[in-house]
Amino acid sequence: MDAIANLISACYHLYVLGEQEARRFIESALSQTKDYQEIFIPKKDGGERKVLIPQNDLKQLQGIVINWLKSIWPNYNGFMLYGFGHTSADFEKGSHVDYARWHSGSNWFWQADIKDAFPSANIKKLKKTIYRQFMRGVCLFQEKRHGEKNKATQFPFPVLFLEDSPEISILADPQEIGALAELIIKITTFDGILPQGAPSSPFLFCISLLEDPNEPEIWLSNYRLPNGVWSRVLQKIHRETKGLIISGYIDNICISCSTPYYPLRYFGTPQKMHGIPSWVKNMVIDEFAKSEFTLHKIVETDFRQGSPNLCGLHIAETPPYRRQIVLPKKEIHQIRGLIYNWSKTTNPQEARKILGLINSMRMVYGSSFGDSFDTFPPQIKNLIDKIGFQNIVKAASL
């Protein structure tokens, strides 16, 4: 069996289409891997961020593949993105507002961004990580078949295709598994990078942070700990501290605390401290310096001296002693101005910029894709409703 046939067997949403229809769909999507639509979104520093949007078939296939990978990756939701003990937030359903709200009760903040996040992911290491996860699952299946004790409960292929399936002997072939990993990389990358704008890129970027195929696996009893740079940071902070809130959301890292901090790493009587300890900040910087990722825009904020910004959102204190998470007024005015000026010219290039901004704001406010903007600030929502979202989409397609 070739890699496409193995992918069809593994992904239920492809399997139900039937062999011929699924193969036509995959081949159509593969023909679009070099045909991404470029959208340029204005950045706060005056520059532009290039977003690559895949064509419809490829975008749909990327979503199917990533949903399958999430189902086979143990403990993806919660731990992998938000750290130990914080499992209530779901990356796919969350938003910048949810992320900022998580830290909104803190008084001290330390933040850093990962420079050129998606393009900086090492694709060769990512392919090895996917291959290792597949091989791990096949080994676990073989252990299960022989009645041996398993170290995990997740398998890389649905149970429907595990029991008494003649194809499993092919899936156990390392060369076939390697070809399947190669196919997934081909589907989800563009010119050797993770394209910002593809639905598959956030998950694969997080996997790059959490898993390092060149490092030995770490086992705690029957639980395998991820061993990537972000995983090492989480494990050290969890093991040696208390009272800190640490989170990673896409390319942003934030550590905060609200009360006087007592470090666990010091023996004897804990010393009361204010703010984020220096050893924690230095440890995060040192760990990332050993990886392919680079931290920049490092900012430390004391709420008593000024309100912080998280992922472009402002945490503001309003009477009586309440904190609200809002988009800065300056950005609201800029976005309104861009939309209003476009309504006078209907320029296709400007329409594509507006679509990019709208998609970015969906991540900020958690709106589902479609024509609903109920969670947007009313100043922006009302203007989009007045102009007509479909008019913007139509102009952008010209």
Protein backbone atom coordinates (compact mmCIF):
# COMPACT_ATOMS: atom_id res chain seq x y z
CA MET A 1 0.00 0.00 0.00
CA ASP A 2 1.21 3.51 -0.74
CA ALA A 3 1.10 6.44 1.69
CA ILE A 4 -2.21 7.74 0.32
CA ALA A 5 -3.89 4.37 0.86
CA ASN A 6 -2.54 4.23 4.43
CA LEU A 7 -3.81 7.75 5.10
CA ILE A 8 -7.27 6.79 3.82
CA SER A 9 -7.27 3.72 6.08
CA ALA A 10 -6.25 5.76 9.11
CA CYS A 11 -8.55 8.80 8.78
CA TYR A 12 -12.19 7.92 9.26
CA HIS A 13 -13.44 10.98 7.32
CA LEU A 14 -11.42 9.82 4.31
CA TYR A 15 -12.25 6.13 4.75
CA VAL A 16 -16.02 6.70 4.53
CA LEU A 17 -15.59 8.41 1.15
CA GLY A 18 -14.41 5.18 -0.39
CA GLU A 19 -11.00 4.40 -1.88
CA GLN A 20 -11.47 6.04 -5.28
CA GLU A 21 -13.27 9.20 -4.14
CA ALA A 22 -10.85 9.74 -1.23
CA ARG A 23 -7.84 9.30 -3.50
CA ARG A 24 -9.20 11.83 -6.01
CA PHE A 25 -9.80 14.29 -3.16
CA ILE A 26 -6.26 13.85 -1.76
CA GLU A 27 -4.63 14.15 -5.18
CA SER A 28 -6.64 17.31 -5.87
CA ALA A 29 -5.48 18.77 -2.53
CA LEU A 30 -1.85 17.80 -3.22
CA SER A 31 -2.01 19.69 -6.52
CA GLN A 32 -2.71 22.85 -4.48
CA THR A 33 0.30 22.63 -2.13
CA LYS A 34 2.15 25.31 -4.14
CA ASP A 35 -0.91 27.51 -4.69
CA TYR A 36 -1.52 29.50 -1.51
CA GLN A 37 -3.27 32.87 -1.45
CA GLU A 38 -1.13 35.61 0.07
CA ILE A 39 -2.74 38.10 2.46
CA PHE A 40 -0.82 40.88 4.16
CA ILE A 41 -2.06 42.02 7.57
CA PRO A 42 -0.86 45.34 9.07
CA LYS A 43 1.31 44.92 12.17
CA LYS A 44 1.49 47.25 15.16
CA ASP A 45 5.08 48.24 14.37
CA GLY A 46 4.03 49.52 10.95
CA GLY A 47 5.10 46.46 8.96
CA GLU A 48 3.00 43.73 7.41
CA ARG A 49 2.54 40.07 8.31
CA LYS A 50 2.27 37.66 5.38
CA VAL A 51 -0.48 35.07 5.80
CA LEU A 52 -0.71 32.13 3.41
CA ILE A 53 -4.24 30.78 2.90
CA PRO A 54 -4.55 27.29 1.34
CA GLN A 55 -7.07 26.52 -1.38
CA ASN A 56 -10.35 24.84 -0.41
CA ASP A 57 -9.48 21.16 -0.97
CA LEU A 58 -6.08 21.48 0.67
CA LYS A 59 -7.51 23.43 3.59
CA GLN A 60 -10.16 20.77 4.14
CA LEU A 61 -7.61 17.95 3.96
CA GLN A 62 -5.31 19.75 6.41
CA GLY A 63 -8.19 19.98 8.85
CA ILE A 64 -8.99 16.26 8.50
CA VAL A 65 -5.36 15.23 9.00
CA ILE A 66 -4.83 17.48 12.01
CA ASN A 67 -8.03 16.35 13.71
CA TRP A 68 -6.79 12.78 13.31
CA LEU A 69 -3.34 13.65 14.72
CA LYS A 70 -4.94 15.36 17.71
CA SER A 71 -6.95 12.22 18.41
CA ILE A 72 -3.81 10.07 18.58
CA TRP A 73 -1.61 12.50 20.50
CA PRO A 74 -2.07 11.82 24.21
CA ASN A 75 -3.16 14.72 26.41
CA TYR A 76 -3.03 17.31 23.63
CA ASN A 77 -5.73 19.59 25.03
CA GLY A 78 -4.85 21.31 28.26
CA PHE A 79 -1.37 20.18 29.28
CA MET A 80 0.31 20.61 25.95
CA LEU A 81 -0.59 24.26 25.62
CA TYR A 82 -1.37 25.59 29.06
CA GLY A 83 0.85 23.71 31.47
CA PHE A 84 0.41 21.48 34.45
CA GLY A 85 -2.88 21.62 36.32
CA HIS A 86 -4.64 23.87 33.83
CA THR A 87 -6.92 21.80 31.63
CA SER A 88 -10.08 23.92 31.47
CA ALA A 89 -8.95 25.96 28.46
CA ASP A 90 -9.08 24.35 25.03
CA PHE A 91 -6.74 25.84 22.42
CA GLU A 92 -9.09 25.22 19.52
CA LYS A 93 -12.12 26.70 21.28
CA GLY A 94 -10.25 29.36 23.22
CA SER A 95 -9.33 32.88 22.19
CA HIS A 96 -6.96 35.69 23.06
CA VAL A 97 -9.63 36.99 25.44
CA ASP A 98 -9.75 33.65 27.28
CA TYR A 99 -5.96 33.61 27.47
CA ALA A 100 -5.77 37.17 28.84
CA ARG A 101 -8.59 36.50 31.29
CA TRP A 102 -6.58 33.63 32.72
CA HIS A 103 -3.89 36.10 33.85
CA SER A 104 -6.18 39.04 34.56
CA GLY A 105 -6.05 38.59 38.34
CA SER A 106 -2.25 38.77 38.49
CA ASN A 107 -0.13 41.73 39.57
CA TRP A 108 3.23 40.79 38.06
CA PHE A 109 3.75 39.69 34.46
CA TRP A 110 6.70 38.43 32.41
CA GLN A 111 6.09 37.94 28.69
CA ALA A 112 8.09 36.89 25.66
CA ASP A 113 7.26 36.17 22.02
CA ILE A 114 8.79 33.48 19.81
CA LYS A 115 10.35 35.24 16.84
CA ASP A 116 9.07 34.13 13.41
CA ALA A 117 7.18 31.37 15.17
CA PHE A 118 5.76 29.15 12.42
CA PRO A 119 8.67 29.56 9.93
CA SER A 120 11.18 28.77 12.69
CA ALA A 121 9.84 25.25 13.30
CA ASN A 122 12.31 22.60 12.15
CA ILE A 123 10.39 20.54 9.58
CA LYS A 124 12.88 17.65 9.59
CA LYS A 125 12.54 17.28 13.35
CA LEU A 126 8.76 17.60 13.04
CA LYS A 127 8.65 14.73 10.55
CA LYS A 128 10.78 12.60 12.90
CA THR A 129 8.40 13.45 15.75
CA ILE A 130 5.36 12.33 13.75
CA TYR A 131 7.19 9.17 12.65
CA ARG A 132 8.13 8.36 16.25
CA GLN A 133 4.54 8.82 17.40
CA PHE A 134 3.33 6.44 14.68
CA MET A 135 5.99 3.86 15.56
CA ARG A 136 5.14 4.15 19.23
CA GLY A 137 1.50 3.42 18.45
CA VAL A 138 2.32 0.42 16.25
CA CYS A 139 4.54 -1.03 18.98
CA LEU A 140 1.75 -0.56 21.49
CA PHE A 141 -0.66 -2.30 19.14
CA GLN A 142 1.72 -5.24 18.82
CA GLU A 143 2.01 -5.41 22.61
CA LYS A 144 -1.77 -5.39 22.84
CA ARG A 145 -2.07 -8.17 20.27
CA HIS A 146 0.35 -10.30 22.28
CA GLY A 147 -1.44 -9.58 25.54
CA GLU A 148 1.38 -7.51 27.04
CA LYS A 149 0.86 -4.57 29.39
CA ASN A 150 0.58 -1.21 27.61
CA LYS A 151 2.22 2.02 28.71
CA ALA A 152 -0.45 4.20 27.11
CA THR A 153 -4.01 4.03 25.86
CA GLN A 154 -3.72 5.89 22.54
CA PHE A 155 -3.03 4.28 19.16
CA PRO A 156 -2.18 6.02 15.87
CA PHE A 157 -5.02 4.33 14.00
CA PRO A 158 -8.69 4.00 14.94
CA VAL A 159 -9.65 0.83 16.79
CA LEU A 160 -11.97 0.04 13.88
CA PHE A 161 -8.89 -0.72 11.76
CA LEU A 162 -6.78 -2.29 14.47
CA GLU A 163 -8.73 -5.46 15.21
CA ASP A 164 -8.16 -8.30 12.73
CA SER A 165 -7.12 -5.92 9.96
CA PRO A 166 -4.81 -7.33 7.25
CA GLU A 167 -3.48 -3.81 6.61
CA ILE A 168 -1.87 -3.62 10.04
CA SER A 169 1.11 -5.68 8.84
CA ILE A 170 1.77 -2.97 6.26
CA LEU A 171 1.35 -0.19 8.79
CA ALA A 172 3.94 -1.90 10.99
CA ASP A 173 6.54 -1.55 8.22
CA PRO A 174 8.84 1.38 9.17
CA GLN A 175 9.22 2.38 5.52
CA GLU A 176 5.44 2.61 5.07
CA ILE A 177 5.13 4.65 8.26
CA GLY A 178 7.95 6.91 7.11
CA ALA A 179 6.17 7.48 3.79
CA LEU A 180 2.96 8.36 5.67
CA ALA A 181 4.82 10.90 7.83
CA GLU A 182 6.37 12.36 4.66
CA LEU A 183 2.91 12.69 3.08
CA ILE A 184 1.57 14.54 6.11
CA ILE A 185 4.48 16.98 5.95
CA LYS A 186 3.82 17.54 2.24
CA ILE A 187 0.15 18.28 2.95
CA THR A 188 0.82 20.71 5.80
CA THR A 189 3.91 22.69 4.70
CA PHE A 190 4.73 25.24 2.01
CA ASP A 191 8.31 25.65 0.76
CA GLY A 192 9.67 23.93 3.84
CA ILE A 193 7.83 26.00 6.45
CA LEU A 194 4.56 25.90 8.38
CA PRO A 195 2.39 28.48 6.58
CA GLN A 196 0.68 30.97 8.83
CA GLY A 197 -2.97 30.78 7.76
CA ALA A 198 -3.18 26.99 7.36
CA PRO A 199 -5.47 25.25 9.90
CA SER A 200 -2.77 22.63 10.52
CA SER A 201 0.06 25.00 11.48
CA PRO A 202 -0.88 25.88 15.11
CA PHE A 203 -1.03 22.24 16.20
CA LEU A 204 2.19 21.26 14.40
CA PHE A 205 3.97 24.31 15.82
CA CYS A 206 2.90 23.32 19.33
CA ILE A 207 4.15 19.79 18.72
CA SER A 208 7.50 21.27 17.66
CA LEU A 209 7.68 23.09 21.00
CA LEU A 210 6.62 20.08 23.04
CA GLU A 211 8.44 17.19 21.39
CA ASP A 212 12.11 16.81 20.45
CA PRO A 213 12.86 13.58 18.53
CA ASN A 214 16.59 14.01 19.16
CA GLU A 215 16.15 13.81 22.93
CA PRO A 216 15.59 10.56 24.87
CA GLU A 217 12.06 9.81 25.98
CA ILE A 218 11.14 10.54 29.59
CA TRP A 219 8.85 8.11 31.41
CA LEU A 220 7.22 8.71 34.77
CA SER A 221 5.69 5.43 35.87
CA ASN A 222 3.43 4.53 32.89
CA TYR A 223 3.14 8.11 31.65
CA ARG A 224 5.41 9.52 28.95
CA LEU A 225 6.41 13.14 29.47
CA PRO A 226 6.95 15.32 26.39
CA ASN A 227 10.61 16.32 26.08
CA GLY A 228 10.66 19.48 23.93
CA VAL A 229 11.78 22.94 24.99
CA TRP A 230 8.36 24.09 26.22
CA SER A 231 7.84 20.78 28.03
CA ARG A 232 11.16 21.17 29.86
CA VAL A 233 10.22 24.68 30.95
CA LEU A 234 6.85 23.52 32.27
CA GLN A 235 8.33 20.58 34.13
CA LYS A 236 11.01 22.67 35.86
CA ILE A 237 8.58 25.37 36.94
CA HIS A 238 6.03 22.83 38.10
CA ARG A 239 8.66 20.90 40.06
CA GLU A 240 10.36 23.86 41.73
CA THR A 241 7.73 26.55 42.23
CA LYS A 242 4.23 27.31 43.37
CA GLY A 243 2.03 30.36 42.97
CA LEU A 244 2.95 31.01 39.34
CA ILE A 245 0.57 30.99 36.37
CA ILE A 246 2.43 29.97 33.22
CA SER A 247 0.90 29.60 29.78
CA GLY A 248 1.77 29.46 26.13
CA TYR A 249 -0.65 30.64 23.47
CA ILE A 250 0.63 30.20 19.90
CA ASP A 251 3.87 32.28 19.93
CA ASN A 252 3.30 34.12 23.23
CA ILE A 253 4.62 33.00 26.62
CA CYS A 254 3.38 34.57 29.84
CA ILE A 255 4.30 33.95 33.48
CA SER A 256 2.37 35.82 36.14
CA CYS A 257 1.55 35.77 39.84
CA SER A 258 -0.87 37.68 42.03
CA THR A 259 0.35 37.19 45.59
CA PRO A 260 3.73 37.33 47.28
CA TYR A 261 5.61 34.43 45.79
CA TYR A 262 7.19 31.62 47.85
CA PRO A 263 9.72 29.58 45.83
CA LEU A 264 9.88 25.87 46.55
CA ARG A 265 13.45 25.47 45.39
CA TYR A 266 14.89 27.10 48.53
CA PHE A 267 15.14 24.87 51.59
CA GLY A 268 14.29 26.04 55.07
CA THR A 269 11.97 28.97 55.63
CA PRO A 270 10.61 30.20 52.27
CA GLN A 271 11.60 33.74 51.43
CA LYS A 272 8.77 36.06 50.50
CA MET A 273 9.35 37.63 47.09
CA HIS A 274 7.50 40.08 44.88
CA GLY A 275 7.38 39.57 41.15
CA ILE A 276 8.67 36.76 38.95
CA PRO A 277 11.95 35.32 40.33
CA SER A 278 15.04 35.97 38.21
CA TRP A 279 15.99 32.30 38.08
CA VAL A 280 12.65 31.46 36.42
CA LYS A 281 13.10 34.11 33.74
CA ASN A 282 16.71 33.12 33.10
CA MET A 283 15.79 29.44 32.93
CA VAL A 284 13.14 30.08 30.25
CA ILE A 285 15.59 32.17 28.20
CA ASP A 286 18.37 29.56 28.55
CA GLU A 287 16.13 26.66 27.54
CA PHE A 288 14.93 28.42 24.39
CA ALA A 289 18.51 29.43 23.54
CA LYS A 290 19.34 25.70 23.26
CA SER A 291 16.54 25.17 20.70
CA GLU A 292 15.82 26.42 17.19
CA PHE A 293 13.40 29.00 18.59
CA THR A 294 14.36 32.56 19.53
CA LEU A 295 12.64 34.67 22.18
CA HIS A 296 12.21 38.40 21.66
CA LYS A 297 9.99 41.27 22.81
CA ILE A 298 10.59 40.33 26.44
CA VAL A 299 8.48 42.58 28.67
CA GLU A 300 8.03 42.66 32.44
CA THR A 301 5.08 44.53 33.92
CA ASP A 302 3.99 45.48 37.42
CA PHE A 303 0.24 46.11 37.41
CA ARG A 304 0.65 48.74 40.12
CA GLN A 305 2.77 50.80 37.72
CA GLY A 306 0.93 50.20 34.48
CA SER A 307 -1.65 47.91 32.88
CA PRO A 308 -0.21 45.06 30.79
CA ASN A 309 -1.06 43.92 27.28
CA LEU A 310 -1.51 40.22 26.51
CA CYS A 311 -1.73 39.10 22.87
CA GLY A 312 -2.65 42.63 21.86
CA LEU A 313 -5.37 42.99 24.49
CA HIS A 314 -5.31 45.52 27.32
CA ILE A 315 -6.07 44.51 30.91
CA ALA A 316 -7.65 47.64 32.34
CA GLU A 317 -8.83 48.28 35.88
CA THR A 318 -12.18 50.04 36.17
CA PRO A 319 -14.07 51.12 39.30
CA PRO A 320 -14.93 49.56 41.62
CA TYR A 321 -11.72 47.46 41.45
CA ARG A 322 -12.75 45.41 38.44
CA ARG A 323 -10.52 44.39 35.58
CA GLN A 324 -11.70 44.30 31.99
CA ILE A 325 -10.02 42.89 28.89
CA VAL A 326 -10.39 45.26 25.96
CA LEU A 327 -8.84 45.99 22.59
CA PRO A 328 -6.87 49.27 22.81
CA LYS A 329 -8.88 52.25 21.49
CA LYS A 330 -6.10 53.14 19.06
CA GLU A 331 -6.39 49.75 17.34
CA ILE A 332 -10.17 49.98 17.19
CA HIS A 333 -9.87 53.35 15.44
CA GLN A 334 -7.26 51.98 13.01
CA ILE A 335 -9.40 48.98 12.07
CA ARG A 336 -12.52 51.14 11.66
CA GLY A 337 -10.56 53.54 9.48
CA LEU A 338 -9.28 50.75 7.25
CA ILE A 339 -12.78 49.28 6.78
CA TYR A 340 -14.39 52.69 6.21
CA ASN A 341 -11.75 53.79 3.66
CA TRP A 342 -12.17 50.51 1.77
CA SER A 343 -15.94 51.09 1.51
CA LYS A 344 -15.15 54.20 -0.55
CA THR A 345 -12.76 52.48 -2.98
CA THR A 346 -13.60 48.71 -2.83
CA ASN A 347 -9.96 47.95 -3.67
CA PRO A 348 -9.40 44.14 -3.84
CA GLN A 349 -5.98 44.32 -2.17
CA GLU A 350 -7.39 46.32 0.75
CA ALA A 351 -10.31 43.89 0.97
CA ARG A 352 -7.85 41.01 1.43
CA LYS A 353 -6.16 42.95 4.25
CA ILE A 354 -9.51 43.43 5.93
CA LEU A 355 -10.30 39.71 5.63
CA GLY A 356 -6.96 38.94 7.25
CA LEU A 357 -7.75 41.33 10.10
CA ILE A 358 -11.20 39.82 10.57
CA ASN A 359 -9.76 36.30 10.74
CA SER A 360 -7.18 37.52 13.27
CA MET A 361 -9.92 39.10 15.37
CA ARG A 362 -11.85 35.82 15.34
CA MET A 363 -8.91 34.32 17.22
CA VAL A 364 -8.85 37.32 19.56
CA TYR A 365 -12.57 37.20 20.42
CA GLY A 366 -13.37 33.55 19.78
CA SER A 367 -15.97 34.05 17.04
CA SER A 368 -16.74 31.02 14.92
CA PHE A 369 -16.09 31.31 11.20
CA GLY A 370 -19.07 32.56 9.28
CA ASP A 371 -20.93 35.87 9.15
CA SER A 372 -21.34 36.26 12.92
CA PHE A 373 -19.34 38.96 14.71
CA ASP A 374 -21.29 39.07 17.95
CA THR A 375 -18.16 38.93 20.12
CA PHE A 376 -16.38 41.76 18.27
CA PRO A 377 -16.28 45.27 19.77
CA PRO A 378 -19.57 46.96 18.75
CA GLN A 379 -17.70 49.79 16.99
CA ILE A 380 -16.23 47.25 14.54
CA LYS A 381 -19.15 44.81 14.41
CA ASN A 382 -21.68 47.49 13.49
CA LEU A 383 -19.49 48.85 10.69
CA ILE A 384 -18.94 45.36 9.19
CA ASP A 385 -22.69 44.68 9.36
CA LYS A 386 -23.41 48.02 7.68
CA ILE A 387 -20.97 47.44 4.80
CA GLY A 388 -21.74 43.74 4.44
CA PHE A 389 -19.21 41.01 5.09
CA GLN A 390 -20.04 39.19 1.85
CA ASN A 391 -19.24 42.38 -0.10
CA ILE A 392 -15.75 42.33 1.40
CA VAL A 393 -15.34 38.63 0.56
CA LYS A 394 -16.49 39.22 -3.02
CA ALA A 395 -14.08 42.12 -3.52
CA ALA A 396 -11.19 40.12 -2.03
CA SER A 397 -11.71 37.32 -4.55
CA LEU A 398 -11.23 39.64 -7.56
